[in-house]
Amino acid sequence: MSNWFVKVMLGILSEDLPAGHKLPSIRSLARRYQIHSNTVSAAYRDLEDRGWLELRRGSGLYVRPLQSSAADPGELDVLLAEFPACRS
């Protein structure tokens, strides 16, 4: 399971990563966790598609305010089940 992906999701759900918080770059996360940058990019893209993150071209990725569906406790289980990098 990708520990960093879970940390990002839990950080958003718990608001430890509040709305407007800038996330680390794809390259820096890939280096830090020794994973391919495509894996980080796919996870960020998935969270962006779900409305959790906002891409600001030339600036980076930022946490968006949570929608009620994203705050649903079952959403974390759904994300973990659907995202291939998080499967054991």
PDB file of N, CA and C in Angstrom:
ATOM      1  N   MET A   1       0.852  -1.183   0.000  1.00  0.00           N
ATOM      2  CA  MET A   1       0.000   0.000   0.000  1.00  0.00           C
ATOM      3  C   MET A   1       0.891   1.237   0.000  1.00  0.00           C
ATOM      4  N   SER A   2       0.499   2.235  -0.761  1.00  0.00           N
ATOM      5  CA  SER A   2       1.289   3.455  -0.847  1.00  0.00           C
ATOM      6  C   SER A   2       1.019   4.343   0.355  1.00  0.00           C
ATOM      7  N   ASN A   3       1.978   4.372   1.244  1.00  0.00           N
ATOM      8  CA  ASN A   3       1.865   5.107   2.499  1.00  0.00           C
ATOM      9  C   ASN A   3       1.623   6.600   2.259  1.00  0.00           C
ATOM     10  N   TRP A   4       2.318   7.174   1.291  1.00  0.00           N
ATOM     11  CA  TRP A   4       2.189   8.616   1.035  1.00  0.00           C
ATOM     12  C   TRP A   4       0.786   8.962   0.562  1.00  0.00           C
ATOM     13  N   PHE A   5       0.170   8.102  -0.264  1.00  0.00           N
ATOM     14  CA  PHE A   5      -1.171   8.358  -0.792  1.00  0.00           C
ATOM     15  C   PHE A   5      -2.184   8.364   0.352  1.00  0.00           C
ATOM     16  N   VAL A   6      -2.062   7.405   1.237  1.00  0.00           N
ATOM     17  CA  VAL A   6      -2.945   7.330   2.404  1.00  0.00           C
ATOM     18  C   VAL A   6      -2.755   8.568   3.281  1.00  0.00           C
ATOM     19  N   LYS A   7      -1.504   8.995   3.469  1.00  0.00           N
ATOM     20  CA  LYS A   7      -1.241  10.184   4.284  1.00  0.00           C
ATOM     21  C   LYS A   7      -1.896  11.424   3.688  1.00  0.00           C
ATOM     22  N   VAL A   8      -1.842  11.564   2.366  1.00  0.00           N
ATOM     23  CA  VAL A   8      -2.476  12.725   1.722  1.00  0.00           C
ATOM     24  C   VAL A   8      -3.983  12.683   1.934  1.00  0.00           C
ATOM     25  N   MET A   9      -4.596  11.529   1.705  1.00  0.00           N
ATOM     26  CA  MET A   9      -6.048  11.415   1.871  1.00  0.00           C
ATOM     27  C   MET A   9      -6.466  11.659   3.323  1.00  0.00           C
ATOM     28  N   LEU A  10      -5.753  11.050   4.257  1.00  0.00           N
ATOM     29  CA  LEU A  10      -6.089  11.250   5.665  1.00  0.00           C
ATOM     30  C   LEU A  10      -5.862  12.696   6.090  1.00  0.00           C
ATOM     31  N   GLY A  11      -4.807  13.292   5.564  1.00  0.00           N
ATOM     32  CA  GLY A  11      -4.544  14.699   5.868  1.00  0.00           C
ATOM     33  C   GLY A  11      -5.659  15.615   5.395  1.00  0.00           C
ATOM     34  N   ILE A  12      -6.197  15.318   4.219  1.00  0.00           N
ATOM     35  CA  ILE A  12      -7.308  16.115   3.694  1.00  0.00           C
ATOM     36  C   ILE A  12      -8.575  15.867   4.509  1.00  0.00           C
ATOM     37  N   LEU A  13      -8.881  14.601   4.766  1.00  0.00           N
ATOM     38  CA  LEU A  13     -10.097  14.272   5.524  1.00  0.00           C
ATOM     39  C   LEU A  13     -10.063  14.831   6.944  1.00  0.00           C
ATOM     40  N   SER A  14      -8.886  14.810   7.560  1.00  0.00           N
ATOM     41  CA  SER A  14      -8.773  15.296   8.939  1.00  0.00           C
ATOM     42  C   SER A  14      -8.552  16.806   9.007  1.00  0.00           C
ATOM     43  N   GLU A  15      -8.378  17.408   7.845  1.00  0.00           N
ATOM     44  CA  GLU A  15      -8.099  18.833   7.705  1.00  0.00           C
ATOM     45  C   GLU A  15      -6.741  19.229   8.276  1.00  0.00           C
ATOM     46  N   ASP A  16      -5.846  18.246   8.450  1.00  0.00           N
ATOM     47  CA  ASP A  16      -4.450  18.566   8.748  1.00  0.00           C
ATOM     48  C   ASP A  16      -3.829  19.239   7.522  1.00  0.00           C
ATOM     49  N   LEU A  17      -4.363  18.893   6.340  1.00  0.00           N
ATOM     50  CA  LEU A  17      -4.029  19.587   5.091  1.00  0.00           C
ATOM     51  C   LEU A  17      -5.279  20.396   4.732  1.00  0.00           C
ATOM     52  N   PRO A  18      -5.362  21.627   5.207  1.00  0.00           N
ATOM     53  CA  PRO A  18      -6.587  22.415   5.025  1.00  0.00           C
ATOM     54  C   PRO A  18      -6.756  22.916   3.597  1.00  0.00           C
ATOM     55  N   ALA A  19      -7.955  23.345   3.282  1.00  0.00           N
ATOM     56  CA  ALA A  19      -8.233  23.934   1.975  1.00  0.00           C
ATOM     57  C   ALA A  19      -7.233  25.053   1.717  1.00  0.00           C
ATOM     58  N   GLY A  20      -6.674  25.057   0.505  1.00  0.00           N
ATOM     59  CA  GLY A  20      -5.697  26.069   0.134  1.00  0.00           C
ATOM     60  C   GLY A  20      -4.257  25.661   0.377  1.00  0.00           C
ATOM     61  N   HIS A  21      -4.049  24.538   1.071  1.00  0.00           N
ATOM     62  CA  HIS A  21      -2.692  24.068   1.364  1.00  0.00           C
ATOM     63  C   HIS A  21      -2.036  23.577   0.075  1.00  0.00           C
ATOM     64  N   LYS A  22      -0.815  24.026  -0.183  1.00  0.00           N
ATOM     65  CA  LYS A  22      -0.072  23.578  -1.360  1.00  0.00           C
ATOM     66  C   LYS A  22       0.586  22.237  -1.062  1.00  0.00           C
ATOM     67  N   LEU A  23       0.395  21.274  -1.968  1.00  0.00           N
ATOM     68  CA  LEU A  23       0.977  19.947  -1.801  1.00  0.00           C
ATOM     69  C   LEU A  23       2.377  19.891  -2.405  1.00  0.00           C
ATOM     70  N   PRO A  24       3.188  18.939  -1.965  1.00  0.00           N
ATOM     71  CA  PRO A  24       4.527  18.779  -2.542  1.00  0.00           C
ATOM     72  C   PRO A  24       4.440  18.458  -4.034  1.00  0.00           C
ATOM     73  N   SER A  25       5.473  18.796  -4.752  1.00  0.00           N
ATOM     74  CA  SER A  25       5.506  18.520  -6.191  1.00  0.00           C
ATOM     75  C   SER A  25       5.554  17.017  -6.445  1.00  0.00           C
ATOM     76  N   ILE A  26       5.170  16.649  -7.636  1.00  0.00           N
ATOM     77  CA  ILE A  26       5.212  15.244  -8.046  1.00  0.00           C
ATOM     78  C   ILE A  26       6.641  14.718  -7.922  1.00  0.00           C
ATOM     79  N   ARG A  27       7.566  15.480  -8.421  1.00  0.00           N
ATOM     80  CA  ARG A  27       8.969  15.053  -8.415  1.00  0.00           C
ATOM     81  C   ARG A  27       9.499  14.869  -6.990  1.00  0.00           C
ATOM     82  N   SER A  28       9.165  15.807  -6.098  1.00  0.00           N
ATOM     83  CA  SER A  28       9.693  15.696  -4.731  1.00  0.00           C
ATOM     84  C   SER A  28       9.091  14.503  -3.992  1.00  0.00           C
ATOM     85  N   LEU A  29       7.796  14.230  -4.199  1.00  0.00           N
ATOM     86  CA  LEU A  29       7.202  13.049  -3.556  1.00  0.00           C
ATOM     87  C   LEU A  29       7.784  11.763  -4.122  1.00  0.00           C
ATOM     88  N   ALA A  30       7.992  11.725  -5.431  1.00  0.00           N
ATOM     89  CA  ALA A  30       8.565  10.528  -6.055  1.00  0.00           C
ATOM     90  C   ALA A  30       9.954  10.240  -5.492  1.00  0.00           C
ATOM     91  N   ARG A  31      10.753  11.279  -5.340  1.00  0.00           N
ATOM     92  CA  ARG A  31      12.093  11.100  -4.762  1.00  0.00           C
ATOM     93  C   ARG A  31      12.015  10.658  -3.307  1.00  0.00           C
ATOM     94  N   ARG A  32      11.162  11.340  -2.549  1.00  0.00           N
ATOM     95  CA  ARG A  32      11.064  11.061  -1.109  1.00  0.00           C
ATOM     96  C   ARG A  32      10.650   9.618  -0.824  1.00  0.00           C
ATOM     97  N   TYR A  33       9.678   9.116  -1.604  1.00  0.00           N
ATOM     98  CA  TYR A  33       9.168   7.766  -1.350  1.00  0.00           C
ATOM     99  C   TYR A  33       9.740   6.727  -2.305  1.00  0.00           C
ATOM    100  N   GLN A  34      10.688   7.151  -3.134  1.00  0.00           N
ATOM    101  CA  GLN A  34      11.365   6.259  -4.081  1.00  0.00           C
ATOM    102  C   GLN A  34      10.375   5.475  -4.934  1.00  0.00           C
ATOM    103  N   ILE A  35       9.469   6.227  -5.545  1.00  0.00           N
ATOM    104  CA  ILE A  35       8.489   5.649  -6.458  1.00  0.00           C
ATOM    105  C   ILE A  35       8.550   6.423  -7.768  1.00  0.00           C
ATOM    106  N   HIS A  36       7.960   5.878  -8.793  1.00  0.00           N
ATOM    107  CA  HIS A  36       7.974   6.528 -10.096  1.00  0.00           C
ATOM    108  C   HIS A  36       7.065   7.756 -10.068  1.00  0.00           C
ATOM    109  N   SER A  37       7.486   8.793 -10.745  1.00  0.00           N
ATOM    110  CA  SER A  37       6.693  10.029 -10.776  1.00  0.00           C
ATOM    111  C   SER A  37       5.322   9.818 -11.419  1.00  0.00           C
ATOM    112  N   ASN A  38       5.209   8.837 -12.320  1.00  0.00           N
ATOM    113  CA  ASN A  38       3.896   8.545 -12.920  1.00  0.00           C
ATOM    114  C   ASN A  38       2.899   8.049 -11.875  1.00  0.00           C
ATOM    115  N   THR A  39       3.388   7.355 -10.858  1.00  0.00           N
ATOM    116  CA  THR A  39       2.518   6.867  -9.781  1.00  0.00           C
ATOM    117  C   THR A  39       1.961   8.043  -8.990  1.00  0.00           C
ATOM    118  N   VAL A  40       2.822   8.991  -8.660  1.00  0.00           N
ATOM    119  CA  VAL A  40       2.380  10.183  -7.930  1.00  0.00           C
ATOM    120  C   VAL A  40       1.417  10.990  -8.795  1.00  0.00           C
ATOM    121  N   SER A  41       1.770  11.163 -10.055  1.00  0.00           N
ATOM    122  CA  SER A  41       0.936  11.933 -10.977  1.00  0.00           C
ATOM    123  C   SER A  41      -0.457  11.320 -11.098  1.00  0.00           C
ATOM    124  N   ALA A  42      -0.528  10.003 -11.219  1.00  0.00           N
ATOM    125  CA  ALA A  42      -1.824   9.316 -11.346  1.00  0.00           C
ATOM    126  C   ALA A  42      -2.668   9.512 -10.086  1.00  0.00           C
ATOM    127  N   ALA A  43      -2.032   9.440  -8.926  1.00  0.00           N
ATOM    128  CA  ALA A  43      -2.771   9.613  -7.671  1.00  0.00           C
ATOM    129  C   ALA A  43      -3.278  11.046  -7.538  1.00  0.00           C
ATOM    130  N   TYR A  44      -2.422  12.013  -7.821  1.00  0.00           N
ATOM    131  CA  TYR A  44      -2.835  13.408  -7.772  1.00  0.00           C
ATOM    132  C   TYR A  44      -3.973  13.667  -8.763  1.00  0.00           C
ATOM    133  N   ARG A  45      -3.843  13.120  -9.963  1.00  0.00           N
ATOM    134  CA  ARG A  45      -4.884  13.302 -10.983  1.00  0.00           C
ATOM    135  C   ARG A  45      -6.215  12.704 -10.515  1.00  0.00           C
ATOM    136  N   ASP A  46      -6.138  11.530  -9.887  1.00  0.00           N
ATOM    137  CA  ASP A  46      -7.349  10.890  -9.371  1.00  0.00           C
ATOM    138  C   ASP A  46      -8.014  11.770  -8.313  1.00  0.00           C
ATOM    139  N   LEU A  47      -7.225  12.296  -7.390  1.00  0.00           N
ATOM    140  CA  LEU A  47      -7.774  13.158  -6.341  1.00  0.00           C
ATOM    141  C   LEU A  47      -8.297  14.477  -6.930  1.00  0.00           C
ATOM    142  N   GLU A  48      -7.640  14.964  -7.976  1.00  0.00           N
ATOM    143  CA  GLU A  48      -8.126  16.173  -8.647  1.00  0.00           C
ATOM    144  C   GLU A  48      -9.461  15.895  -9.346  1.00  0.00           C
ATOM    145  N   ASP A  49      -9.553  14.767 -10.039  1.00  0.00           N
ATOM    146  CA  ASP A  49     -10.796  14.387 -10.729  1.00  0.00           C
ATOM    147  C   ASP A  49     -11.961  14.239  -9.756  1.00  0.00           C
ATOM    148  N   ARG A  50     -11.665  13.821  -8.539  1.00  0.00           N
ATOM    149  CA  ARG A  50     -12.702  13.655  -7.516  1.00  0.00           C
ATOM    150  C   ARG A  50     -13.044  14.956  -6.804  1.00  0.00           C
ATOM    151  N   GLY A  51     -12.321  16.019  -7.138  1.00  0.00           N
ATOM    152  CA  GLY A  51     -12.616  17.320  -6.547  1.00  0.00           C
ATOM    153  C   GLY A  51     -11.893  17.603  -5.244  1.00  0.00           C
ATOM    154  N   TRP A  52     -10.912  16.786  -4.881  1.00  0.00           N
ATOM    155  CA  TRP A  52     -10.179  16.979  -3.637  1.00  0.00           C
ATOM    156  C   TRP A  52      -9.039  17.974  -3.809  1.00  0.00           C
ATOM    157  N   LEU A  53      -8.468  18.043  -5.029  1.00  0.00           N
ATOM    158  CA  LEU A  53      -7.325  18.900  -5.303  1.00  0.00           C
ATOM    159  C   LEU A  53      -7.635  19.838  -6.458  1.00  0.00           C
ATOM    160  N   GLU A  54      -6.906  20.933  -6.479  1.00  0.00           N
ATOM    161  CA  GLU A  54      -7.041  21.918  -7.560  1.00  0.00           C
ATOM    162  C   GLU A  54      -5.658  22.184  -8.133  1.00  0.00           C
ATOM    163  N   LEU A  55      -5.525  22.023  -9.451  1.00  0.00           N
ATOM    164  CA  LEU A  55      -4.273  22.327 -10.125  1.00  0.00           C
ATOM    165  C   LEU A  55      -4.277  23.785 -10.526  1.00  0.00           C
ATOM    166  N   ARG A  56      -3.263  24.495 -10.092  1.00  0.00           N
ATOM    167  CA  ARG A  56      -3.074  25.886 -10.501  1.00  0.00           C
ATOM    168  C   ARG A  56      -1.832  25.904 -11.378  1.00  0.00           C
ATOM    169  N   ARG A  57      -2.056  26.001 -12.676  1.00  0.00           N
ATOM    170  CA  ARG A  57      -0.956  25.938 -13.644  1.00  0.00           C
ATOM    171  C   ARG A  57       0.149  26.917 -13.267  1.00  0.00           C
ATOM    172  N   GLY A  58       1.371  26.396 -13.253  1.00  0.00           N
ATOM    173  CA  GLY A  58       2.523  27.216 -12.932  1.00  0.00           C
ATOM    174  C   GLY A  58       2.738  27.431 -11.441  1.00  0.00           C
ATOM    175  N   SER A  59       1.794  26.956 -10.629  1.00  0.00           N
ATOM    176  CA  SER A  59       1.896  27.171  -9.190  1.00  0.00           C
ATOM    177  C   SER A  59       1.938  25.858  -8.411  1.00  0.00           C
ATOM    178  N   GLY A  60       1.153  24.871  -8.820  1.00  0.00           N
ATOM    179  CA  GLY A  60       1.149  23.586  -8.136  1.00  0.00           C
ATOM    180  C   GLY A  60      -0.249  23.071  -7.847  1.00  0.00           C
ATOM    181  N   LEU A  61      -0.302  22.080  -6.978  1.00  0.00           N
ATOM    182  CA  LEU A  61      -1.562  21.454  -6.574  1.00  0.00           C
ATOM    183  C   LEU A  61      -1.925  21.899  -5.169  1.00  0.00           C
ATOM    184  N   TYR A  62      -3.192  22.217  -5.004  1.00  0.00           N
ATOM    185  CA  TYR A  62      -3.690  22.728  -3.729  1.00  0.00           C
ATOM    186  C   TYR A  62      -4.911  21.937  -3.299  1.00  0.00           C
ATOM    187  N   VAL A  63      -5.087  21.821  -1.993  1.00  0.00           N
ATOM    188  CA  VAL A  63      -6.262  21.151  -1.432  1.00  0.00           C
ATOM    189  C   VAL A  63      -7.476  22.049  -1.640  1.00  0.00           C
ATOM    190  N   ARG A  64      -8.546  21.439  -2.135  1.00  0.00           N
ATOM    191  CA  ARG A  64      -9.806  22.161  -2.305  1.00  0.00           C
ATOM    192  C   ARG A  64     -10.663  21.965  -1.058  1.00  0.00           C
ATOM    193  N   PRO A  65     -11.612  22.866  -0.826  1.00  0.00           N
ATOM    194  CA  PRO A  65     -12.541  22.645   0.293  1.00  0.00           C
ATOM    195  C   PRO A  65     -13.287  21.327   0.074  1.00  0.00           C
ATOM    196  N   LEU A  66     -13.444  20.554   1.134  1.00  0.00           N
ATOM    197  CA  LEU A  66     -14.131  19.259   1.022  1.00  0.00           C
ATOM    198  C   LEU A  66     -15.604  19.435   0.707  1.00  0.00           C
ATOM    199  N   GLN A  67     -16.057  18.631  -0.232  1.00  0.00           N
ATOM    200  CA  GLN A  67     -17.490  18.526  -0.502  1.00  0.00           C
ATOM    201  C   GLN A  67     -18.045  17.499   0.476  1.00  0.00           C
ATOM    202  N   SER A  68     -19.326  17.497   0.680  1.00  0.00           N
ATOM    203  CA  SER A  68     -19.911  16.563   1.655  1.00  0.00           C
ATOM    204  C   SER A  68     -19.632  15.113   1.289  1.00  0.00           C
ATOM    205  N   SER A  69     -19.596  14.771  -0.013  1.00  0.00           N
ATOM    206  CA  SER A  69     -19.346  13.384  -0.401  1.00  0.00           C
ATOM    207  C   SER A  69     -17.913  12.970  -0.100  1.00  0.00           C
ATOM    208  N   ALA A  70     -16.960  13.913  -0.214  1.00  0.00           N
ATOM    209  CA  ALA A  70     -15.566  13.591   0.077  1.00  0.00           C
ATOM    210  C   ALA A  70     -15.357  13.368   1.566  1.00  0.00           C
ATOM    211  N   ALA A  71     -16.162  14.015   2.388  1.00  0.00           N
ATOM    212  CA  ALA A  71     -16.029  13.866   3.832  1.00  0.00           C
ATOM    213  C   ALA A  71     -16.687  12.587   4.343  1.00  0.00           C
ATOM    214  N   ASP A  72     -17.381  11.863   3.474  1.00  0.00           N
ATOM    215  CA  ASP A  72     -18.022  10.608   3.838  1.00  0.00           C
ATOM    216  C   ASP A  72     -16.943   9.613   4.265  1.00  0.00           C
ATOM    217  N   PRO A  73     -17.070   9.013   5.450  1.00  0.00           N
ATOM    218  CA  PRO A  73     -16.042   8.080   5.928  1.00  0.00           C
ATOM    219  C   PRO A  73     -15.778   6.921   4.963  1.00  0.00           C
ATOM    220  N   GLY A  74     -16.769   6.516   4.189  1.00  0.00           N
ATOM    221  CA  GLY A  74     -16.586   5.421   3.239  1.00  0.00           C
ATOM    222  C   GLY A  74     -15.774   5.815   2.023  1.00  0.00           C
ATOM    223  N   GLU A  75     -15.591   7.112   1.792  1.00  0.00           N
ATOM    224  CA  GLU A  75     -14.848   7.580   0.621  1.00  0.00           C
ATOM    225  C   GLU A  75     -13.405   7.103   0.641  1.00  0.00           C
ATOM    226  N   LEU A  76     -12.776   7.066   1.795  1.00  0.00           N
ATOM    227  CA  LEU A  76     -11.400   6.596   1.890  1.00  0.00           C
ATOM    228  C   LEU A  76     -11.305   5.143   1.443  1.00  0.00           C
ATOM    229  N   ASP A  77     -12.232   4.300   1.891  1.00  0.00           N
ATOM    230  CA  ASP A  77     -12.227   2.897   1.479  1.00  0.00           C
ATOM    231  C   ASP A  77     -12.410   2.759  -0.020  1.00  0.00           C
ATOM    232  N   VAL A  78     -13.292   3.568  -0.586  1.00  0.00           N
ATOM    233  CA  VAL A  78     -13.536   3.537  -2.028  1.00  0.00           C
ATOM    234  C   VAL A  78     -12.270   3.926  -2.776  1.00  0.00           C
ATOM    235  N   LEU A  79     -11.623   5.000  -2.355  1.00  0.00           N
ATOM    236  CA  LEU A  79     -10.399   5.448  -3.015  1.00  0.00           C
ATOM    237  C   LEU A  79      -9.304   4.388  -2.934  1.00  0.00           C
ATOM    238  N   LEU A  80      -9.127   3.810  -1.774  1.00  0.00           N
ATOM    239  CA  LEU A  80      -8.086   2.797  -1.612  1.00  0.00           C
ATOM    240  C   LEU A  80      -8.368   1.574  -2.475  1.00  0.00           C
ATOM    241  N   ALA A  81      -9.616   1.199  -2.586  1.00  0.00           N
ATOM    242  CA  ALA A  81      -9.971   0.030  -3.378  1.00  0.00           C
ATOM    243  C   ALA A  81      -9.802   0.284  -4.873  1.00  0.00           C
ATOM    244  N   GLU A  82     -10.063   1.522  -5.299  1.00  0.00           N
ATOM    245  CA  GLU A  82     -10.024   1.836  -6.722  1.00  0.00           C
ATOM    246  C   GLU A  82      -8.639   2.187  -7.228  1.00  0.00           C
ATOM    247  N   PHE A  83      -7.763   2.704  -6.379  1.00  0.00           N
ATOM    248  CA  PHE A  83      -6.472   3.162  -6.859  1.00  0.00           C
ATOM    249  C   PHE A  83      -5.462   2.014  -6.833  1.00  0.00           C
ATOM    250  N   PRO A  84      -4.943   1.592  -8.005  1.00  0.00           N
ATOM    251  CA  PRO A  84      -4.063   0.418  -8.080  1.00  0.00           C
ATOM    252  C   PRO A  84      -2.815   0.514  -7.221  1.00  0.00           C
ATOM    253  N   ALA A  85      -2.237   1.693  -7.054  1.00  0.00           N
ATOM    254  CA  ALA A  85      -0.993   1.811  -6.286  1.00  0.00           C
ATOM    255  C   ALA A  85      -1.210   1.518  -4.807  1.00  0.00           C
ATOM    256  N   CYS A  86      -2.464   1.492  -4.357  1.00  0.00           N
ATOM    257  CA  CYS A  86      -2.742   1.266  -2.947  1.00  0.00           C
ATOM    258  C   CYS A  86      -3.125  -0.163  -2.638  1.00  0.00           C
ATOM    259  N   ARG A  87      -3.126  -0.986  -3.627  1.00  0.00           N
ATOM    260  CA  ARG A  87      -3.468  -2.401  -3.383  1.00  0.00           C
ATOM    261  C   ARG A  87      -2.257  -3.141  -2.886  1.00  0.00           C
ATOM    262  N   SER A  88      -2.479  -4.071  -1.994  1.00  0.00           N
ATOM    263  CA  SER A  88      -1.369  -4.859  -1.423  1.00  0.00           C
ATOM    264  C   SER A  88      -0.802  -5.803  -2.448  1.00  0.00           C
TER     265      SER A  88
END
